[in-house]
Amino acid sequence: WDVEICVKAKLTDVNIKRLQWFLKKSGREYHSLENSLDKLSLLYDEKLLNAAVILFGKKPQQFFPNAKLRCAVFGTTGTSLILDRQEFEGNLFSLMEKAEEYILKNIHIGMRLEGLYRVDVPEIDKDAFREAIINAFCHRDYYEYDSVNIAIFKDRLEIRSPGGLYGGLTIEQIKK
């Protein structure tokens, strides 16, 4: 999916500031829009690939209405009482940031002291749920019309994305 041409997208659909932010974070230089996208292998015959649009698009949902994030907080361990529900749209980087913010806003944050300083400690390890968020967006099936979904319960956090395991792999095969 990511290496297919996004037929209706144009270079003007790319958020240059987000691309420049990414290049700076990854230690690369921005020369021009086309040059930078080409060096990232996000162009084919001067046309934007799906990956370029979903990563750096101004409004990726214009092309991919399923590229969104749905979040909810549940009042019980089951799914009967929804305390909060929100949907987010944007490029994948902003969706991943929104997912992390939403989780941190809706879980308990403890603390510990290190010398004279207070250090916030989320009840769920930040690195663990950040990895799950990234995997949910990067490994999902974008052919399926669904979103990445985050459900926060009193006793757990669920992060779901559409699609199965790569190449039709099953849980039983993984266990073996």
C-alpha atoms as a PDB file:
ATOM      1  CA  TRP A   1       0.000   0.000   0.000  1.00  0.00           C
ATOM      2  CA  ASP A   2       2.682   2.503   1.008  1.00  0.00           C
ATOM      3  CA  VAL A   3       4.612   2.243  -2.290  1.00  0.00           C
ATOM      4  CA  GLU A   4       1.552   2.757  -4.503  1.00  0.00           C
ATOM      5  CA  ILE A   5       1.049   6.109  -6.219  1.00  0.00           C
ATOM      6  CA  CYS A   6      -1.545   8.365  -4.591  1.00  0.00           C
ATOM      7  CA  VAL A   7      -3.188   9.245  -7.899  1.00  0.00           C
ATOM      8  CA  LYS A   8      -5.063  12.404  -6.879  1.00  0.00           C
ATOM      9  CA  ALA A   9      -2.352  13.886  -4.647  1.00  0.00           C
ATOM     10  CA  LYS A  10      -0.143  16.773  -5.741  1.00  0.00           C
ATOM     11  CA  LEU A  11       3.073  18.162  -4.313  1.00  0.00           C
ATOM     12  CA  THR A  12       1.035  21.082  -2.967  1.00  0.00           C
ATOM     13  CA  ASP A  13      -0.724  18.582  -0.663  1.00  0.00           C
ATOM     14  CA  VAL A  14       2.513  18.052   1.291  1.00  0.00           C
ATOM     15  CA  ASN A  15       3.067  19.904   4.567  1.00  0.00           C
ATOM     16  CA  ILE A  16       6.595  21.215   3.997  1.00  0.00           C
ATOM     17  CA  LYS A  17       7.076  22.179   7.661  1.00  0.00           C
ATOM     18  CA  ARG A  18       6.288  18.627   8.799  1.00  0.00           C
ATOM     19  CA  LEU A  19       8.722  17.247   6.199  1.00  0.00           C
ATOM     20  CA  GLN A  20      11.408  19.682   7.348  1.00  0.00           C
ATOM     21  CA  TRP A  21      10.737  18.717  10.991  1.00  0.00           C
ATOM     22  CA  PHE A  22      11.184  15.036  10.115  1.00  0.00           C
ATOM     23  CA  LEU A  23      14.385  15.627   8.166  1.00  0.00           C
ATOM     24  CA  LYS A  24      15.864  17.676  11.007  1.00  0.00           C
ATOM     25  CA  LYS A  25      14.916  14.962  13.558  1.00  0.00           C
ATOM     26  CA  SER A  26      16.529  12.285  11.381  1.00  0.00           C
ATOM     27  CA  GLY A  27      19.729  14.275  10.788  1.00  0.00           C
ATOM     28  CA  ARG A  28      19.057  15.046   7.128  1.00  0.00           C
ATOM     29  CA  GLU A  29      18.985  18.307   5.227  1.00  0.00           C
ATOM     30  CA  TYR A  30      16.067  19.826   3.386  1.00  0.00           C
ATOM     31  CA  HIS A  31      17.002  21.056  -0.098  1.00  0.00           C
ATOM     32  CA  SER A  32      13.675  21.230  -1.877  1.00  0.00           C
ATOM     33  CA  LEU A  33      10.350  19.471  -1.610  1.00  0.00           C
ATOM     34  CA  GLU A  34      10.906  17.188  -4.598  1.00  0.00           C
ATOM     35  CA  ASN A  35      14.537  16.490  -3.748  1.00  0.00           C
ATOM     36  CA  SER A  36      13.741  15.608  -0.136  1.00  0.00           C
ATOM     37  CA  LEU A  37      10.812  13.350  -1.031  1.00  0.00           C
ATOM     38  CA  ASP A  38      12.901  11.678  -3.724  1.00  0.00           C
ATOM     39  CA  LYS A  39      15.748  10.987  -1.288  1.00  0.00           C
ATOM     40  CA  LEU A  40      13.216   9.407   1.084  1.00  0.00           C
ATOM     41  CA  SER A  41      11.922   7.239  -1.816  1.00  0.00           C
ATOM     42  CA  LEU A  42       8.473   8.804  -1.503  1.00  0.00           C
ATOM     43  CA  LEU A  43       8.133   9.734  -5.177  1.00  0.00           C
ATOM     44  CA  TYR A  44       7.693   7.576  -8.248  1.00  0.00           C
ATOM     45  CA  ASP A  45       7.836   9.250 -11.670  1.00  0.00           C
ATOM     46  CA  GLU A  46       7.479  12.584  -9.853  1.00  0.00           C
ATOM     47  CA  LYS A  47       4.196  11.421  -8.267  1.00  0.00           C
ATOM     48  CA  LEU A  48       3.556  11.129  -4.550  1.00  0.00           C
ATOM     49  CA  LEU A  49       3.365   7.682  -3.027  1.00  0.00           C
ATOM     50  CA  ASN A  50       0.724   6.842  -0.421  1.00  0.00           C
ATOM     51  CA  ALA A  51       3.424   6.863   2.271  1.00  0.00           C
ATOM     52  CA  ALA A  52       4.344  10.468   1.426  1.00  0.00           C
ATOM     53  CA  VAL A  53       0.745  11.612   1.740  1.00  0.00           C
ATOM     54  CA  ILE A  54      -0.028   9.797   4.964  1.00  0.00           C
ATOM     55  CA  LEU A  55       3.249  10.872   6.596  1.00  0.00           C
ATOM     56  CA  PHE A  56       3.511  14.451   5.368  1.00  0.00           C
ATOM     57  CA  GLY A  57       0.138  15.365   3.881  1.00  0.00           C
ATOM     58  CA  LYS A  58      -1.651  18.544   4.940  1.00  0.00           C
ATOM     59  CA  LYS A  59      -4.942  16.619   5.028  1.00  0.00           C
ATOM     60  CA  PRO A  60      -4.280  12.896   4.467  1.00  0.00           C
ATOM     61  CA  GLN A  61      -7.940  12.075   5.220  1.00  0.00           C
ATOM     62  CA  GLN A  62      -8.847  13.807   1.972  1.00  0.00           C
ATOM     63  CA  PHE A  63      -7.242  10.814   0.238  1.00  0.00           C
ATOM     64  CA  PHE A  64      -7.481   8.188   2.975  1.00  0.00           C
ATOM     65  CA  PRO A  65     -10.600   8.654   5.117  1.00  0.00           C
ATOM     66  CA  ASN A  66      -9.570   5.629   7.193  1.00  0.00           C
ATOM     67  CA  ALA A  67      -6.352   7.286   8.373  1.00  0.00           C
ATOM     68  CA  LYS A  68      -7.621   8.386  11.753  1.00  0.00           C
ATOM     69  CA  LEU A  69      -7.394   7.661  15.437  1.00  0.00           C
ATOM     70  CA  ARG A  70     -10.336   6.868  17.714  1.00  0.00           C
ATOM     71  CA  CYS A  71      -9.851   6.938  21.477  1.00  0.00           C
ATOM     72  CA  ALA A  72     -12.141   6.147  24.388  1.00  0.00           C
ATOM     73  CA  VAL A  73     -12.017   5.818  28.144  1.00  0.00           C
ATOM     74  CA  PHE A  74     -14.312   3.230  29.717  1.00  0.00           C
ATOM     75  CA  GLY A  75     -15.682   3.413  33.255  1.00  0.00           C
ATOM     76  CA  THR A  76     -15.593  -0.321  33.895  1.00  0.00           C
ATOM     77  CA  THR A  77     -13.464  -3.269  32.876  1.00  0.00           C
ATOM     78  CA  GLY A  78     -16.144  -4.145  30.296  1.00  0.00           C
ATOM     79  CA  THR A  79     -17.299  -1.871  27.489  1.00  0.00           C
ATOM     80  CA  SER A  80     -20.619  -0.601  28.831  1.00  0.00           C
ATOM     81  CA  LEU A  81     -19.864   2.913  30.112  1.00  0.00           C
ATOM     82  CA  ILE A  82     -17.901   5.351  27.941  1.00  0.00           C
ATOM     83  CA  LEU A  83     -16.522   8.277  29.959  1.00  0.00           C
ATOM     84  CA  ASP A  84     -14.775  10.022  27.080  1.00  0.00           C
ATOM     85  CA  ARG A  85     -14.524   9.526  23.331  1.00  0.00           C
ATOM     86  CA  GLN A  86     -12.503  11.483  20.782  1.00  0.00           C
ATOM     87  CA  GLU A  87     -11.472  11.169  17.146  1.00  0.00           C
ATOM     88  CA  PHE A  88      -8.356  12.676  15.631  1.00  0.00           C
ATOM     89  CA  GLU A  89      -7.244  13.269  12.048  1.00  0.00           C
ATOM     90  CA  GLY A  90      -3.927  14.348  10.612  1.00  0.00           C
ATOM     91  CA  ASN A  91      -0.699  12.888   9.308  1.00  0.00           C
ATOM     92  CA  LEU A  92       0.724   9.802  11.003  1.00  0.00           C
ATOM     93  CA  PHE A  93       3.200  11.761  13.078  1.00  0.00           C
ATOM     94  CA  SER A  94       0.479  13.975  14.547  1.00  0.00           C
ATOM     95  CA  LEU A  95      -1.810  10.960  15.104  1.00  0.00           C
ATOM     96  CA  MET A  96       0.925   9.148  17.022  1.00  0.00           C
ATOM     97  CA  GLU A  97       1.515  12.274  19.118  1.00  0.00           C
ATOM     98  CA  LYS A  98      -2.242  12.594  19.818  1.00  0.00           C
ATOM     99  CA  ALA A  99      -2.415   8.929  20.828  1.00  0.00           C
ATOM    100  CA  GLU A 100       0.407   9.348  23.340  1.00  0.00           C
ATOM    101  CA  GLU A 101      -1.103  12.562  24.727  1.00  0.00           C
ATOM    102  CA  TYR A 102      -4.528  10.937  25.089  1.00  0.00           C
ATOM    103  CA  ILE A 103      -3.146   7.951  26.962  1.00  0.00           C
ATOM    104  CA  LEU A 104      -1.062  10.102  29.306  1.00  0.00           C
ATOM    105  CA  LYS A 105      -4.071  12.333  29.976  1.00  0.00           C
ATOM    106  CA  ASN A 106      -6.251   9.344  30.893  1.00  0.00           C
ATOM    107  CA  ILE A 107      -4.024   7.048  32.953  1.00  0.00           C
ATOM    108  CA  HIS A 108      -2.665   7.548  36.442  1.00  0.00           C
ATOM    109  CA  ILE A 109       0.639   9.346  36.779  1.00  0.00           C
ATOM    110  CA  GLY A 110       2.577   8.545  39.928  1.00  0.00           C
ATOM    111  CA  MET A 111       5.861  10.006  41.051  1.00  0.00           C
ATOM    112  CA  ARG A 112       9.136   9.175  42.639  1.00  0.00           C
ATOM    113  CA  LEU A 113      11.872  11.339  44.083  1.00  0.00           C
ATOM    114  CA  GLU A 114      15.356  11.407  42.656  1.00  0.00           C
ATOM    115  CA  GLY A 115      17.362  13.499  45.077  1.00  0.00           C
ATOM    116  CA  LEU A 116      15.511  16.790  45.315  1.00  0.00           C
ATOM    117  CA  TYR A 117      13.596  16.273  42.081  1.00  0.00           C
ATOM    118  CA  ARG A 118      10.184  14.786  41.393  1.00  0.00           C
ATOM    119  CA  VAL A 119       9.971  12.412  38.433  1.00  0.00           C
ATOM    120  CA  ASP A 120       6.547  11.584  36.974  1.00  0.00           C
ATOM    121  CA  VAL A 121       5.954   7.863  36.487  1.00  0.00           C
ATOM    122  CA  PRO A 122       2.977   6.766  34.366  1.00  0.00           C
ATOM    123  CA  GLU A 123       1.242   3.587  35.527  1.00  0.00           C
ATOM    124  CA  ILE A 124       1.944   2.091  32.090  1.00  0.00           C
ATOM    125  CA  ASP A 125       5.493   2.339  30.791  1.00  0.00           C
ATOM    126  CA  LYS A 126       5.663   5.148  28.238  1.00  0.00           C
ATOM    127  CA  ASP A 127       8.148   3.322  25.994  1.00  0.00           C
ATOM    128  CA  ALA A 128       5.889   0.253  25.901  1.00  0.00           C
ATOM    129  CA  PHE A 129       2.748   2.052  24.819  1.00  0.00           C
ATOM    130  CA  ARG A 130       4.679   4.305  22.444  1.00  0.00           C
ATOM    131  CA  GLU A 131       5.989   1.190  20.682  1.00  0.00           C
ATOM    132  CA  ALA A 132       2.462  -0.229  20.506  1.00  0.00           C
ATOM    133  CA  ILE A 133       1.171   3.048  19.009  1.00  0.00           C
ATOM    134  CA  ILE A 134       3.901   3.135  16.367  1.00  0.00           C
ATOM    135  CA  ASN A 135       3.277  -0.516  15.471  1.00  0.00           C
ATOM    136  CA  ALA A 136      -0.473   0.090  15.238  1.00  0.00           C
ATOM    137  CA  PHE A 137      -0.009   2.828  12.648  1.00  0.00           C
ATOM    138  CA  CYS A 138       2.955   1.390  10.750  1.00  0.00           C
ATOM    139  CA  HIS A 139       1.775  -2.208  10.453  1.00  0.00           C
ATOM    140  CA  ARG A 140      -1.948  -1.724   9.963  1.00  0.00           C
ATOM    141  CA  ASP A 141      -3.801  -2.649   6.806  1.00  0.00           C
ATOM    142  CA  TYR A 142      -4.677   0.634   5.092  1.00  0.00           C
ATOM    143  CA  TYR A 143      -6.833  -1.191   2.548  1.00  0.00           C
ATOM    144  CA  GLU A 144      -9.319  -1.840   5.361  1.00  0.00           C
ATOM    145  CA  TYR A 145     -11.753   0.938   6.205  1.00  0.00           C
ATOM    146  CA  ASP A 146     -11.172   1.292   9.926  1.00  0.00           C
ATOM    147  CA  SER A 147      -9.079   3.391  12.263  1.00  0.00           C
ATOM    148  CA  VAL A 148      -6.466   2.775  14.913  1.00  0.00           C
ATOM    149  CA  ASN A 149      -8.429   2.430  18.150  1.00  0.00           C
ATOM    150  CA  ILE A 150      -7.293   3.072  21.702  1.00  0.00           C
ATOM    151  CA  ALA A 151      -9.428   1.897  24.611  1.00  0.00           C
ATOM    152  CA  ILE A 152      -8.464   2.767  28.170  1.00  0.00           C
ATOM    153  CA  PHE A 153     -10.067   0.651  30.885  1.00  0.00           C
ATOM    154  CA  LYS A 154      -9.543   0.637  34.648  1.00  0.00           C
ATOM    155  CA  ASP A 155      -7.401  -2.495  34.376  1.00  0.00           C
ATOM    156  CA  ARG A 156      -5.800  -2.294  30.927  1.00  0.00           C
ATOM    157  CA  LEU A 157      -4.983  -0.370  27.782  1.00  0.00           C
ATOM    158  CA  GLU A 158      -5.939  -1.769  24.375  1.00  0.00           C
ATOM    159  CA  ILE A 159      -4.439  -0.496  21.124  1.00  0.00           C
ATOM    160  CA  ARG A 160      -5.965  -2.052  18.026  1.00  0.00           C
ATOM    161  CA  SER A 161      -5.376  -1.599  14.347  1.00  0.00           C
ATOM    162  CA  PRO A 162      -7.083  -3.177  11.339  1.00  0.00           C
ATOM    163  CA  GLY A 163      -5.492  -6.122   9.642  1.00  0.00           C
ATOM    164  CA  GLY A 164      -3.896  -9.382  10.593  1.00  0.00           C
ATOM    165  CA  LEU A 165      -0.367 -10.532  11.064  1.00  0.00           C
ATOM    166  CA  TYR A 166       2.051 -10.074   8.183  1.00  0.00           C
ATOM    167  CA  GLY A 167       1.849 -12.589   5.370  1.00  0.00           C
ATOM    168  CA  GLY A 168      -1.087 -14.462   6.893  1.00  0.00           C
ATOM    169  CA  LEU A 169       1.013 -15.558   9.867  1.00  0.00           C
ATOM    170  CA  THR A 170      -1.039 -17.005  12.747  1.00  0.00           C
ATOM    171  CA  ILE A 171      -0.559 -16.870  16.508  1.00  0.00           C
ATOM    172  CA  GLU A 172      -0.122 -20.659  16.512  1.00  0.00           C
ATOM    173  CA  GLN A 173       2.743 -20.358  14.006  1.00  0.00           C
ATOM    174  CA  ILE A 174       4.379 -17.704  16.202  1.00  0.00           C
ATOM    175  CA  LYS A 175       4.118 -19.952  19.255  1.00  0.00           C
ATOM    176  CA  LYS A 176       5.921 -22.737  17.362  1.00  0.00           C
END
